[in-house]
PDB file of N, CA and C in Angstrom:
ATOM      1  N   UNK A   1     -39.228 -57.057  16.295  1.00  0.00           N
ATOM      2  CA  UNK A   1     -39.833 -55.799  16.609  1.00  0.00           C
ATOM      3  C   UNK A   1     -38.952 -55.011  17.569  1.00  0.00           C
ATOM      4  N   UNK A   2     -38.139 -55.700  18.359  1.00  0.00           N
ATOM      5  CA  UNK A   2     -37.254 -54.996  19.290  1.00  0.00           C
ATOM      6  C   UNK A   2     -36.297 -54.059  18.566  1.00  0.00           C
ATOM      7  N   UNK A   3     -35.900 -54.411  17.343  1.00  0.00           N
ATOM      8  CA  UNK A   3     -35.001 -53.554  16.571  1.00  0.00           C
ATOM      9  C   UNK A   3     -35.775 -52.523  15.752  1.00  0.00           C
ATOM     10  N   UNK A   4     -36.983 -52.871  15.322  1.00  0.00           N
ATOM     11  CA  UNK A   4     -37.762 -51.964  14.473  1.00  0.00           C
ATOM     12  C   UNK A   4     -38.359 -50.805  15.261  1.00  0.00           C
ATOM     13  N   UNK A   5     -38.837 -51.048  16.463  1.00  0.00           N
ATOM     14  CA  UNK A   5     -39.523 -49.999  17.218  1.00  0.00           C
ATOM     15  C   UNK A   5     -38.624 -48.814  17.565  1.00  0.00           C
ATOM     16  N   UNK A   6     -37.371 -49.022  18.004  1.00  0.00           N
ATOM     17  CA  UNK A   6     -36.528 -47.850  18.285  1.00  0.00           C
ATOM     18  C   UNK A   6     -36.255 -46.992  17.048  1.00  0.00           C
ATOM     19  N   UNK A   7     -36.248 -47.601  15.879  1.00  0.00           N
ATOM     20  CA  UNK A   7     -35.970 -46.856  14.647  1.00  0.00           C
ATOM     21  C   UNK A   7     -37.234 -46.197  14.100  1.00  0.00           C
ATOM     22  N   UNK A   8     -38.332 -46.950  14.046  1.00  0.00           N
ATOM     23  CA  UNK A   8     -39.563 -46.454  13.433  1.00  0.00           C
ATOM     24  C   UNK A   8     -40.543 -45.821  14.409  1.00  0.00           C
ATOM     25  N   UNK A   9     -40.371 -46.087  15.697  1.00  0.00           N
ATOM     26  CA  UNK A   9     -41.301 -45.532  16.681  1.00  0.00           C
ATOM     27  C   UNK A   9     -42.707 -46.070  16.471  1.00  0.00           C
ATOM     28  N   UNK A  10     -43.714 -45.187  16.583  1.00  0.00           N
ATOM     29  CA  UNK A  10     -45.109 -45.612  16.465  1.00  0.00           C
ATOM     30  C   UNK A  10     -45.446 -46.167  15.083  1.00  0.00           C
ATOM     31  N   UNK A  11     -44.630 -45.883  14.066  1.00  0.00           N
ATOM     32  CA  UNK A  11     -44.892 -46.415  12.725  1.00  0.00           C
ATOM     33  C   UNK A  11     -44.758 -47.933  12.674  1.00  0.00           C
ATOM     34  N   UNK A  12     -44.012 -48.527  13.599  1.00  0.00           N
ATOM     35  CA  UNK A  12     -43.836 -49.983  13.624  1.00  0.00           C
ATOM     36  C   UNK A  12     -45.091 -50.695  14.112  1.00  0.00           C
ATOM     37  N   UNK A  13     -46.023 -49.982  14.708  1.00  0.00           N
ATOM     38  CA  UNK A  13     -47.222 -50.598  15.276  1.00  0.00           C
ATOM     39  C   UNK A  13     -48.426 -50.547  14.340  1.00  0.00           C
ATOM     40  N   UNK A  14     -48.255 -50.007  13.107  1.00  0.00           N
ATOM     41  CA  UNK A  14     -49.372 -49.941  12.165  1.00  0.00           C
ATOM     42  C   UNK A  14     -48.859 -50.128  10.746  1.00  0.00           C
ATOM     43  N   UNK A  15     -49.774 -50.360   9.826  1.00  0.00           N
ATOM     44  CA  UNK A  15     -49.386 -50.560   8.429  1.00  0.00           C
ATOM     45  C   UNK A  15     -48.969 -49.232   7.819  1.00  0.00           C
ATOM     46  N   UNK A  16     -47.840 -49.258   7.108  1.00  0.00           N
ATOM     47  CA  UNK A  16     -47.358 -48.051   6.441  1.00  0.00           C
ATOM     48  C   UNK A  16     -46.986 -48.383   5.001  1.00  0.00           C
ATOM     49  N   UNK A  17     -47.080 -47.402   4.134  1.00  0.00           N
ATOM     50  CA  UNK A  17     -46.728 -47.560   2.730  1.00  0.00           C
ATOM     51  C   UNK A  17     -45.982 -46.318   2.285  1.00  0.00           C
ATOM     52  N   UNK A  18     -44.797 -46.519   1.756  1.00  0.00           N
ATOM     53  CA  UNK A  18     -44.009 -45.446   1.168  1.00  0.00           C
ATOM     54  C   UNK A  18     -43.981 -45.683  -0.333  1.00  0.00           C
ATOM     55  N   UNK A  19     -44.461 -44.721  -1.097  1.00  0.00           N
ATOM     56  CA  UNK A  19     -44.487 -44.839  -2.553  1.00  0.00           C
ATOM     57  C   UNK A  19     -43.569 -43.786  -3.149  1.00  0.00           C
ATOM     58  N   UNK A  20     -42.685 -44.231  -4.000  1.00  0.00           N
ATOM     59  CA  UNK A  20     -41.761 -43.313  -4.640  1.00  0.00           C
ATOM     60  C   UNK A  20     -41.584 -43.660  -6.105  1.00  0.00           C
ATOM     61  N   UNK A  21     -40.779 -42.897  -6.781  1.00  0.00           N
ATOM     62  CA  UNK A  21     -40.533 -43.116  -8.207  1.00  0.00           C
ATOM     63  C   UNK A  21     -39.708 -44.391  -8.397  1.00  0.00           C
ATOM     64  N   UNK A  22     -40.345 -45.427  -8.901  1.00  0.00           N
ATOM     65  CA  UNK A  22     -39.658 -46.676  -9.182  1.00  0.00           C
ATOM     66  C   UNK A  22     -39.574 -47.655  -8.029  1.00  0.00           C
ATOM     67  N   UNK A  23     -40.049 -47.283  -6.843  1.00  0.00           N
ATOM     68  CA  UNK A  23     -39.977 -48.215  -5.711  1.00  0.00           C
ATOM     69  C   UNK A  23     -41.083 -47.914  -4.703  1.00  0.00           C
ATOM     70  N   UNK A  24     -41.597 -48.986  -4.091  1.00  0.00           N
ATOM     71  CA  UNK A  24     -42.607 -48.865  -3.045  1.00  0.00           C
ATOM     72  C   UNK A  24     -42.203 -49.800  -1.911  1.00  0.00           C
ATOM     73  N   UNK A  25     -42.405 -49.371  -0.688  1.00  0.00           N
ATOM     74  CA  UNK A  25     -42.109 -50.198   0.483  1.00  0.00           C
ATOM     75  C   UNK A  25     -43.357 -50.245   1.354  1.00  0.00           C
ATOM     76  N   UNK A  26     -43.756 -51.460   1.735  1.00  0.00           N
ATOM     77  CA  UNK A  26     -44.905 -51.647   2.600  1.00  0.00           C
ATOM     78  C   UNK A  26     -44.448 -52.418   3.834  1.00  0.00           C
ATOM     79  N   UNK A  27     -44.893 -51.987   4.996  1.00  0.00           N
ATOM     80  CA  UNK A  27     -44.541 -52.671   6.241  1.00  0.00           C
ATOM     81  C   UNK A  27     -45.771 -52.732   7.140  1.00  0.00           C
ATOM     82  N   UNK A  28     -45.928 -53.851   7.835  1.00  0.00           N
ATOM     83  CA  UNK A  28     -47.045 -53.988   8.761  1.00  0.00           C
ATOM     84  C   UNK A  28     -46.691 -55.009   9.842  1.00  0.00           C
ATOM     85  N   UNK A  29     -47.195 -54.797  11.062  1.00  0.00           N
ATOM     86  CA  UNK A  29     -46.901 -55.724  12.158  1.00  0.00           C
ATOM     87  C   UNK A  29     -47.726 -57.004  12.027  1.00  0.00           C
ATOM     88  N   UNK A  30     -47.139 -58.115  12.459  1.00  0.00           N
ATOM     89  CA  UNK A  30     -47.819 -59.407  12.464  1.00  0.00           C
ATOM     90  C   UNK A  30     -47.576 -60.083  13.809  1.00  0.00           C
ATOM     91  N   UNK A  31     -48.329 -61.137  14.069  1.00  0.00           N
ATOM     92  CA  UNK A  31     -48.190 -61.936  15.293  1.00  0.00           C
ATOM     93  C   UNK A  31     -48.310 -61.068  16.538  1.00  0.00           C
ATOM     94  N   UNK A  32     -49.417 -60.310  16.597  1.00  0.00           N
ATOM     95  CA  UNK A  32     -49.702 -59.460  17.760  1.00  0.00           C
ATOM     96  C   UNK A  32     -48.563 -58.473  18.021  1.00  0.00           C
ATOM     97  N   UNK A  33     -48.076 -57.868  16.943  1.00  0.00           N
ATOM     98  CA  UNK A  33     -47.010 -56.846  16.968  1.00  0.00           C
ATOM     99  C   UNK A  33     -45.669 -57.369  17.480  1.00  0.00           C
ATOM    100  N   UNK A  34     -45.422 -58.667  17.317  1.00  0.00           N
ATOM    101  CA  UNK A  34     -44.121 -59.209  17.710  1.00  0.00           C
ATOM    102  C   UNK A  34     -43.102 -59.107  16.585  1.00  0.00           C
ATOM    103  N   UNK A  35     -43.581 -59.088  15.330  1.00  0.00           N
ATOM    104  CA  UNK A  35     -42.704 -59.039  14.163  1.00  0.00           C
ATOM    105  C   UNK A  35     -43.182 -57.961  13.205  1.00  0.00           C
ATOM    106  N   UNK A  36     -42.280 -57.502  12.361  1.00  0.00           N
ATOM    107  CA  UNK A  36     -42.614 -56.512  11.348  1.00  0.00           C
ATOM    108  C   UNK A  36     -42.362 -57.125   9.977  1.00  0.00           C
ATOM    109  N   UNK A  37     -43.408 -57.256   9.179  1.00  0.00           N
ATOM    110  CA  UNK A  37     -43.295 -57.798   7.832  1.00  0.00           C
ATOM    111  C   UNK A  37     -43.057 -56.639   6.870  1.00  0.00           C
ATOM    112  N   UNK A  38     -42.027 -56.745   6.040  1.00  0.00           N
ATOM    113  CA  UNK A  38     -41.668 -55.677   5.108  1.00  0.00           C
ATOM    114  C   UNK A  38     -41.602 -56.255   3.700  1.00  0.00           C
ATOM    115  N   UNK A  39     -42.228 -55.557   2.757  1.00  0.00           N
ATOM    116  CA  UNK A  39     -42.175 -55.943   1.345  1.00  0.00           C
ATOM    117  C   UNK A  39     -41.746 -54.733   0.531  1.00  0.00           C
ATOM    118  N   UNK A  40     -40.841 -54.956  -0.413  1.00  0.00           N
ATOM    119  CA  UNK A  40     -40.372 -53.878  -1.289  1.00  0.00           C
ATOM    120  C   UNK A  40     -40.662 -54.265  -2.733  1.00  0.00           C
ATOM    121  N   UNK A  41     -41.193 -53.324  -3.489  1.00  0.00           N
ATOM    122  CA  UNK A  41     -41.500 -53.511  -4.901  1.00  0.00           C
ATOM    123  C   UNK A  41     -40.687 -52.494  -5.681  1.00  0.00           C
ATOM    124  N   UNK A  42     -39.827 -52.983  -6.565  1.00  0.00           N
ATOM    125  CA  UNK A  42     -38.925 -52.112  -7.309  1.00  0.00           C
ATOM    126  C   UNK A  42     -39.167 -52.308  -8.800  1.00  0.00           C
ATOM    127  N   UNK A  43     -39.325 -51.204  -9.512  1.00  0.00           N
ATOM    128  CA  UNK A  43     -39.530 -51.256 -10.957  1.00  0.00           C
ATOM    129  C   UNK A  43     -38.199 -50.992 -11.643  1.00  0.00           C
ATOM    130  N   UNK A  44     -37.825 -51.910 -12.531  1.00  0.00           N
ATOM    131  CA  UNK A  44     -36.586 -51.773 -13.291  1.00  0.00           C
ATOM    132  C   UNK A  44     -36.928 -51.269 -14.687  1.00  0.00           C
ATOM    133  N   UNK A  45     -36.277 -50.217 -15.114  1.00  0.00           N
ATOM    134  CA  UNK A  45     -36.569 -49.642 -16.427  1.00  0.00           C
ATOM    135  C   UNK A  45     -36.059 -50.517 -17.569  1.00  0.00           C
ATOM    136  N   UNK A  46     -35.225 -51.502 -17.270  1.00  0.00           N
ATOM    137  CA  UNK A  46     -34.727 -52.420 -18.279  1.00  0.00           C
ATOM    138  C   UNK A  46     -33.495 -51.932 -19.010  1.00  0.00           C
ATOM    139  N   UNK A  47     -32.936 -50.839 -18.581  1.00  0.00           N
ATOM    140  CA  UNK A  47     -31.721 -50.303 -19.236  1.00  0.00           C
ATOM    141  C   UNK A  47     -30.488 -51.008 -18.757  1.00  0.00           C
TER     142      UNK A  47
END
């Protein structure tokens, strides 16, 4: 979290979801805001 907070600011302290064309990113704090869990979902068109 020491590296995430300077970059994300207050967004690092709550759950956030970014949804875009072909990709989604979800991030949320865990362990009493000591760590930031990030998951990325990417859709491949198969080309």
